[in-house]
Amino acid sequence: MVYAGSRRTEDPSHPLNYPVLIDPTILKVARQIYRDYCETHASNAKRPSGVVVNQLTYQGKVLFSTQPILLPQERFIPIAQIEAESP
């Protein structure tokens, strides 16, 4: 017998608040990409949702989408994490 209430479903709109460990090199690259964006677009800079970095080539770009679609070798770093741990 299967009970409908016994199954746990995750609500994607409320992600769990587990700390996500990011490779320090990837975080450093993401900060540099974000810093370059801010310097280049200082007068009309929009606040991005984060930075995506390719873990193989260390190339990346600033993203404004709240739900990015990533390739397997890409890593998304939220803007809050980039700004929170700045050295």
C-alpha atoms as a PDB file:
ATOM      1  CA  MET A   1       0.000   0.000   0.000  1.00  0.00           C
ATOM      2  CA  VAL A   2       1.352   3.448  -0.960  1.00  0.00           C
ATOM      3  CA  TYR A   3       0.434   6.558   0.948  1.00  0.00           C
ATOM      4  CA  ALA A   4       0.328   9.803  -1.013  1.00  0.00           C
ATOM      5  CA  GLY A   5       1.408  11.852   1.976  1.00  0.00           C
ATOM      6  CA  SER A   6       4.560   9.841   2.593  1.00  0.00           C
ATOM      7  CA  ARG A   7       6.324  11.108  -0.489  1.00  0.00           C
ATOM      8  CA  ARG A   8       8.433  14.252  -0.104  1.00  0.00           C
ATOM      9  CA  THR A   9       8.449  16.690  -2.995  1.00  0.00           C
ATOM     10  CA  GLU A  10      10.875  19.571  -3.354  1.00  0.00           C
ATOM     11  CA  ASP A  11       9.559  23.023  -4.219  1.00  0.00           C
ATOM     12  CA  PRO A  12      12.023  24.544  -6.731  1.00  0.00           C
ATOM     13  CA  SER A  13      10.937  28.073  -5.814  1.00  0.00           C
ATOM     14  CA  HIS A  14      12.281  27.525  -2.261  1.00  0.00           C
ATOM     15  CA  PRO A  15      15.780  26.050  -2.582  1.00  0.00           C
ATOM     16  CA  LEU A  16      17.446  24.644   0.504  1.00  0.00           C
ATOM     17  CA  ASN A  17      19.986  26.953   2.068  1.00  0.00           C
ATOM     18  CA  TYR A  18      22.953  24.594   2.077  1.00  0.00           C
ATOM     19  CA  PRO A  19      26.320  26.306   1.649  1.00  0.00           C
ATOM     20  CA  VAL A  20      27.745  25.732  -1.801  1.00  0.00           C
ATOM     21  CA  LEU A  21      31.500  25.244  -1.976  1.00  0.00           C
ATOM     22  CA  ILE A  22      33.095  26.937  -4.943  1.00  0.00           C
ATOM     23  CA  ASP A  23      36.629  26.380  -6.148  1.00  0.00           C
ATOM     24  CA  PRO A  24      38.639  29.460  -5.061  1.00  0.00           C
ATOM     25  CA  THR A  25      40.092  29.822  -8.563  1.00  0.00           C
ATOM     26  CA  ILE A  26      36.599  29.884 -10.106  1.00  0.00           C
ATOM     27  CA  LEU A  27      35.496  32.455  -7.510  1.00  0.00           C
ATOM     28  CA  LYS A  28      38.544  34.628  -8.253  1.00  0.00           C
ATOM     29  CA  VAL A  29      37.813  34.503 -11.998  1.00  0.00           C
ATOM     30  CA  ALA A  30      34.148  35.357 -11.374  1.00  0.00           C
ATOM     31  CA  ARG A  31      35.136  38.362  -9.251  1.00  0.00           C
ATOM     32  CA  GLN A  32      37.482  39.606 -11.968  1.00  0.00           C
ATOM     33  CA  ILE A  33      34.798  39.240 -14.647  1.00  0.00           C
ATOM     34  CA  TYR A  34      32.324  41.126 -12.457  1.00  0.00           C
ATOM     35  CA  ARG A  35      34.899  43.829 -11.655  1.00  0.00           C
ATOM     36  CA  ASP A  36      35.633  44.285 -15.380  1.00  0.00           C
ATOM     37  CA  TYR A  37      31.893  44.564 -16.079  1.00  0.00           C
ATOM     38  CA  CYS A  38      31.455  47.233 -13.385  1.00  0.00           C
ATOM     39  CA  GLU A  39      34.418  49.254 -14.654  1.00  0.00           C
ATOM     40  CA  THR A  40      33.293  49.052 -18.280  1.00  0.00           C
ATOM     41  CA  HIS A  41      29.636  49.858 -17.620  1.00  0.00           C
ATOM     42  CA  ALA A  42      30.032  52.192 -14.643  1.00  0.00           C
ATOM     43  CA  SER A  43      27.497  54.781 -15.795  1.00  0.00           C
ATOM     44  CA  ASN A  44      24.647  52.435 -16.703  1.00  0.00           C
ATOM     45  CA  ALA A  45      25.478  49.119 -15.032  1.00  0.00           C
ATOM     46  CA  LYS A  46      22.532  46.845 -14.327  1.00  0.00           C
ATOM     47  CA  ARG A  47      22.820  44.500 -11.360  1.00  0.00           C
ATOM     48  CA  PRO A  48      23.476  41.001 -12.721  1.00  0.00           C
ATOM     49  CA  SER A  49      22.208  37.803 -11.121  1.00  0.00           C
ATOM     50  CA  GLY A  50      25.699  36.309 -11.257  1.00  0.00           C
ATOM     51  CA  VAL A  51      28.616  35.187 -13.362  1.00  0.00           C
ATOM     52  CA  VAL A  52      29.031  31.940 -15.271  1.00  0.00           C
ATOM     53  CA  VAL A  53      32.571  30.546 -15.584  1.00  0.00           C
ATOM     54  CA  ASN A  54      33.814  27.704 -17.749  1.00  0.00           C
ATOM     55  CA  GLN A  55      35.782  25.414 -15.406  1.00  0.00           C
ATOM     56  CA  LEU A  56      38.093  24.254 -18.208  1.00  0.00           C
ATOM     57  CA  THR A  57      39.000  27.537 -19.916  1.00  0.00           C
ATOM     58  CA  TYR A  58      38.298  30.009 -17.069  1.00  0.00           C
ATOM     59  CA  GLN A  59      36.380  32.211 -19.487  1.00  0.00           C
ATOM     60  CA  GLY A  60      33.070  33.624 -18.349  1.00  0.00           C
ATOM     61  CA  LYS A  61      30.369  36.199 -18.671  1.00  0.00           C
ATOM     62  CA  VAL A  62      27.972  38.222 -16.571  1.00  0.00           C
ATOM     63  CA  LEU A  63      24.399  36.907 -16.523  1.00  0.00           C
ATOM     64  CA  PHE A  64      21.135  38.703 -15.865  1.00  0.00           C
ATOM     65  CA  SER A  65      18.853  35.669 -16.011  1.00  0.00           C
ATOM     66  CA  THR A  66      17.643  34.276 -12.693  1.00  0.00           C
ATOM     67  CA  GLN A  67      17.563  30.717 -14.068  1.00  0.00           C
ATOM     68  CA  PRO A  68      20.615  30.261 -16.316  1.00  0.00           C
ATOM     69  CA  ILE A  69      21.013  27.242 -18.538  1.00  0.00           C
ATOM     70  CA  LEU A  70      24.549  25.938 -18.155  1.00  0.00           C
ATOM     71  CA  LEU A  71      26.759  23.567 -20.080  1.00  0.00           C
ATOM     72  CA  PRO A  72      28.253  20.664 -18.090  1.00  0.00           C
ATOM     73  CA  GLN A  73      31.631  22.382 -17.693  1.00  0.00           C
ATOM     74  CA  GLU A  74      30.135  25.729 -16.615  1.00  0.00           C
ATOM     75  CA  ARG A  75      29.601  26.940 -13.072  1.00  0.00           C
ATOM     76  CA  PHE A  76      27.211  29.697 -11.973  1.00  0.00           C
ATOM     77  CA  ILE A  77      28.332  31.957  -9.133  1.00  0.00           C
ATOM     78  CA  PRO A  78      25.570  34.152  -7.677  1.00  0.00           C
ATOM     79  CA  ILE A  79      26.321  37.853  -7.356  1.00  0.00           C
ATOM     80  CA  ALA A  80      25.657  37.739  -3.607  1.00  0.00           C
ATOM     81  CA  GLN A  81      28.505  35.247  -3.167  1.00  0.00           C
ATOM     82  CA  ILE A  82      30.854  37.288  -5.349  1.00  0.00           C
ATOM     83  CA  GLU A  83      30.204  40.444  -3.332  1.00  0.00           C
ATOM     84  CA  ALA A  84      30.004  38.821   0.118  1.00  0.00           C
ATOM     85  CA  GLU A  85      33.460  37.292   0.253  1.00  0.00           C
ATOM     86  CA  SER A  86      35.452  39.954  -1.551  1.00  0.00           C
ATOM     87  CA  PRO A  87      39.001  40.172  -0.231  1.00  0.00           C
END
